[in-house]
Amino acid sequence: MLTKEEMPACPVATTVALIGSKRKLLILRNLLARPWRFNEMRKNLEGISQKVLTDSLRSLEDDGIITRTVYPEVPPRVEYALSELGETMRPIIGAMENWGLEYQAKVKEQ
């Protein structure tokens, strides 16, 4: 989680600092639908390395946006899901999706 000193003064900059990377946005997009396991997310997000996915998931977890649940099985099963705080991002990602759809439609008209 960002400390008070690390938090940008601008609220938009705070949001960008938390979810602004391409990978984090795609992770959140997936988690809006359902919880995901690490390997299935890695397969779904083409071109992402294990390290980048791990770092992104850890960062989102540290910021309280997602939860990580480890099930006591052999082999261990780990699932990632949106936290209560992460659920509040649903309208933000939805607005981005709507804008993207409108933009795509406008470009196709040209």
C-alpha atoms as a PDB file:
ATOM      1  CA  MET A   1       0.000   0.000   0.000  1.00  0.00           C
ATOM      2  CA  LEU A   2       1.244   3.483  -0.774  1.00  0.00           C
ATOM      3  CA  THR A   3       2.386   5.385   2.271  1.00  0.00           C
ATOM      4  CA  LYS A   4       1.057   8.863   2.979  1.00  0.00           C
ATOM      5  CA  GLU A   5       4.354  10.306   1.742  1.00  0.00           C
ATOM      6  CA  GLU A   6       4.289   8.243  -1.481  1.00  0.00           C
ATOM      7  CA  MET A   7       0.679   9.145  -2.285  1.00  0.00           C
ATOM      8  CA  PRO A   8       0.444  11.680  -5.120  1.00  0.00           C
ATOM      9  CA  ALA A   9      -1.487  14.850  -4.336  1.00  0.00           C
ATOM     10  CA  CYS A  10      -3.646  14.335  -7.431  1.00  0.00           C
ATOM     11  CA  PRO A  11      -6.347  11.636  -7.030  1.00  0.00           C
ATOM     12  CA  VAL A  12      -6.057  10.650 -10.701  1.00  0.00           C
ATOM     13  CA  ALA A  13      -2.317  10.143 -10.239  1.00  0.00           C
ATOM     14  CA  THR A  14      -3.055   7.960  -7.193  1.00  0.00           C
ATOM     15  CA  THR A  15      -5.334   5.729  -9.293  1.00  0.00           C
ATOM     16  CA  VAL A  16      -2.762   5.532 -12.079  1.00  0.00           C
ATOM     17  CA  ALA A  17      -0.035   4.652  -9.559  1.00  0.00           C
ATOM     18  CA  LEU A  18      -2.150   1.750  -8.277  1.00  0.00           C
ATOM     19  CA  ILE A  19      -3.548   0.281 -11.507  1.00  0.00           C
ATOM     20  CA  GLY A  20      -1.927   2.212 -14.340  1.00  0.00           C
ATOM     21  CA  SER A  21       0.173  -0.532 -15.858  1.00  0.00           C
ATOM     22  CA  LYS A  22      -1.147  -2.466 -18.836  1.00  0.00           C
ATOM     23  CA  ARG A  23      -0.706  -5.774 -17.027  1.00  0.00           C
ATOM     24  CA  LYS A  24      -2.521  -4.689 -13.866  1.00  0.00           C
ATOM     25  CA  LEU A  25      -5.493  -3.469 -15.872  1.00  0.00           C
ATOM     26  CA  LEU A  26      -5.728  -6.782 -17.724  1.00  0.00           C
ATOM     27  CA  ILE A  27      -5.456  -8.709 -14.453  1.00  0.00           C
ATOM     28  CA  LEU A  28      -8.284  -6.626 -12.997  1.00  0.00           C
ATOM     29  CA  ARG A  29     -10.341  -7.150 -16.149  1.00  0.00           C
ATOM     30  CA  ASN A  30     -10.040 -10.907 -15.683  1.00  0.00           C
ATOM     31  CA  LEU A  31     -10.777 -10.797 -11.969  1.00  0.00           C
ATOM     32  CA  LEU A  32     -13.969  -8.812 -12.574  1.00  0.00           C
ATOM     33  CA  ALA A  33     -15.418 -11.993 -14.081  1.00  0.00           C
ATOM     34  CA  ARG A  34     -14.296 -14.533 -11.465  1.00  0.00           C
ATOM     35  CA  PRO A  35     -11.375 -15.708  -9.323  1.00  0.00           C
ATOM     36  CA  TRP A  36      -8.388 -16.985 -11.320  1.00  0.00           C
ATOM     37  CA  ARG A  37      -5.513 -19.341 -10.631  1.00  0.00           C
ATOM     38  CA  PHE A  38      -1.991 -18.192 -11.450  1.00  0.00           C
ATOM     39  CA  ASN A  39      -1.282 -20.512 -14.388  1.00  0.00           C
ATOM     40  CA  GLU A  40      -4.627 -19.959 -16.093  1.00  0.00           C
ATOM     41  CA  MET A  41      -4.133 -16.202 -15.829  1.00  0.00           C
ATOM     42  CA  ARG A  42      -0.629 -16.511 -17.232  1.00  0.00           C
ATOM     43  CA  LYS A  43      -1.965 -18.476 -20.221  1.00  0.00           C
ATOM     44  CA  ASN A  44      -4.758 -15.947 -20.765  1.00  0.00           C
ATOM     45  CA  LEU A  45      -2.480 -12.894 -20.671  1.00  0.00           C
ATOM     46  CA  GLU A  46      -0.363 -13.519 -23.755  1.00  0.00           C
ATOM     47  CA  GLY A  47       3.230 -12.403 -23.598  1.00  0.00           C
ATOM     48  CA  ILE A  48       3.382 -11.868 -19.834  1.00  0.00           C
ATOM     49  CA  SER A  49       6.341 -13.411 -18.069  1.00  0.00           C
ATOM     50  CA  GLN A  50       6.010 -15.299 -14.808  1.00  0.00           C
ATOM     51  CA  LYS A  51       8.027 -12.595 -13.041  1.00  0.00           C
ATOM     52  CA  VAL A  52       5.893  -9.705 -14.315  1.00  0.00           C
ATOM     53  CA  LEU A  53       2.675 -11.531 -13.409  1.00  0.00           C
ATOM     54  CA  THR A  54       4.011 -12.407  -9.954  1.00  0.00           C
ATOM     55  CA  ASP A  55       5.179  -8.831  -9.335  1.00  0.00           C
ATOM     56  CA  SER A  56       1.874  -7.366 -10.542  1.00  0.00           C
ATOM     57  CA  LEU A  57      -0.204  -9.731  -8.408  1.00  0.00           C
ATOM     58  CA  ARG A  58       1.942  -9.023  -5.341  1.00  0.00           C
ATOM     59  CA  SER A  59       1.637  -5.292  -5.875  1.00  0.00           C
ATOM     60  CA  LEU A  60      -2.158  -5.476  -6.264  1.00  0.00           C
ATOM     61  CA  GLU A  61      -2.342  -7.652  -3.146  1.00  0.00           C
ATOM     62  CA  ASP A  62      -0.098  -5.283  -1.157  1.00  0.00           C
ATOM     63  CA  ASP A  63      -2.340  -2.387  -2.174  1.00  0.00           C
ATOM     64  CA  GLY A  64      -5.419  -4.274  -0.961  1.00  0.00           C
ATOM     65  CA  ILE A  65      -7.025  -4.510  -4.406  1.00  0.00           C
ATOM     66  CA  ILE A  66      -6.928  -8.303  -4.711  1.00  0.00           C
ATOM     67  CA  THR A  67      -6.854 -11.236  -2.329  1.00  0.00           C
ATOM     68  CA  ARG A  68      -4.744 -14.371  -2.540  1.00  0.00           C
ATOM     69  CA  THR A  69      -6.239 -17.556  -1.121  1.00  0.00           C
ATOM     70  CA  VAL A  70      -4.078 -20.646  -0.623  1.00  0.00           C
ATOM     71  CA  TYR A  71      -6.045 -23.881  -0.292  1.00  0.00           C
ATOM     72  CA  PRO A  72      -4.434 -26.618   1.840  1.00  0.00           C
ATOM     73  CA  GLU A  73      -4.240 -29.249  -0.886  1.00  0.00           C
ATOM     74  CA  VAL A  74      -1.468 -31.234  -2.493  1.00  0.00           C
ATOM     75  CA  PRO A  75      -0.354 -29.646  -4.712  1.00  0.00           C
ATOM     76  CA  PRO A  76      -1.380 -26.303  -3.164  1.00  0.00           C
ATOM     77  CA  ARG A  77      -4.057 -24.389  -5.053  1.00  0.00           C
ATOM     78  CA  VAL A  78      -3.875 -20.585  -5.062  1.00  0.00           C
ATOM     79  CA  GLU A  79      -6.665 -18.333  -6.289  1.00  0.00           C
ATOM     80  CA  TYR A  80      -6.684 -14.594  -6.831  1.00  0.00           C
ATOM     81  CA  ALA A  81      -9.878 -12.561  -6.533  1.00  0.00           C
ATOM     82  CA  LEU A  82     -10.925  -8.953  -6.173  1.00  0.00           C
ATOM     83  CA  SER A  83     -11.043  -7.717  -2.605  1.00  0.00           C
ATOM     84  CA  GLU A  84     -13.867  -5.540  -1.325  1.00  0.00           C
ATOM     85  CA  LEU A  85     -11.742  -2.530  -2.262  1.00  0.00           C
ATOM     86  CA  GLY A  86     -11.019  -4.059  -5.676  1.00  0.00           C
ATOM     87  CA  GLU A  87     -14.747  -4.433  -6.317  1.00  0.00           C
ATOM     88  CA  THR A  88     -15.052  -0.654  -6.075  1.00  0.00           C
ATOM     89  CA  MET A  89     -12.944  -0.462  -9.262  1.00  0.00           C
ATOM     90  CA  ARG A  90     -15.707  -2.196 -11.247  1.00  0.00           C
ATOM     91  CA  PRO A  91     -17.269   1.090 -12.488  1.00  0.00           C
ATOM     92  CA  ILE A  92     -13.836   2.467 -13.440  1.00  0.00           C
ATOM     93  CA  ILE A  93     -12.932  -0.565 -15.560  1.00  0.00           C
ATOM     94  CA  GLY A  94     -16.494  -0.620 -16.948  1.00  0.00           C
ATOM     95  CA  ALA A  95     -16.188   3.012 -18.025  1.00  0.00           C
ATOM     96  CA  MET A  96     -12.866   2.215 -19.719  1.00  0.00           C
ATOM     97  CA  GLU A  97     -14.494  -0.718 -21.536  1.00  0.00           C
ATOM     98  CA  ASN A  98     -17.403   1.447 -22.721  1.00  0.00           C
ATOM     99  CA  TRP A  99     -15.065   4.175 -23.933  1.00  0.00           C
ATOM    100  CA  GLY A 100     -12.937   1.599 -25.768  1.00  0.00           C
ATOM    101  CA  LEU A 101     -15.999   0.120 -27.477  1.00  0.00           C
ATOM    102  CA  GLU A 102     -17.150   3.576 -28.593  1.00  0.00           C
ATOM    103  CA  TYR A 103     -13.683   4.399 -29.882  1.00  0.00           C
ATOM    104  CA  GLN A 104     -13.427   1.103 -31.778  1.00  0.00           C
ATOM    105  CA  ALA A 105     -16.824   1.721 -33.388  1.00  0.00           C
ATOM    106  CA  LYS A 106     -15.798   5.256 -34.397  1.00  0.00           C
ATOM    107  CA  VAL A 107     -12.565   4.028 -35.977  1.00  0.00           C
ATOM    108  CA  LYS A 108     -14.441   1.313 -37.922  1.00  0.00           C
ATOM    109  CA  GLU A 109     -16.787   3.969 -39.350  1.00  0.00           C
ATOM    110  CA  GLN A 110     -13.901   5.894 -40.891  1.00  0.00           C
END
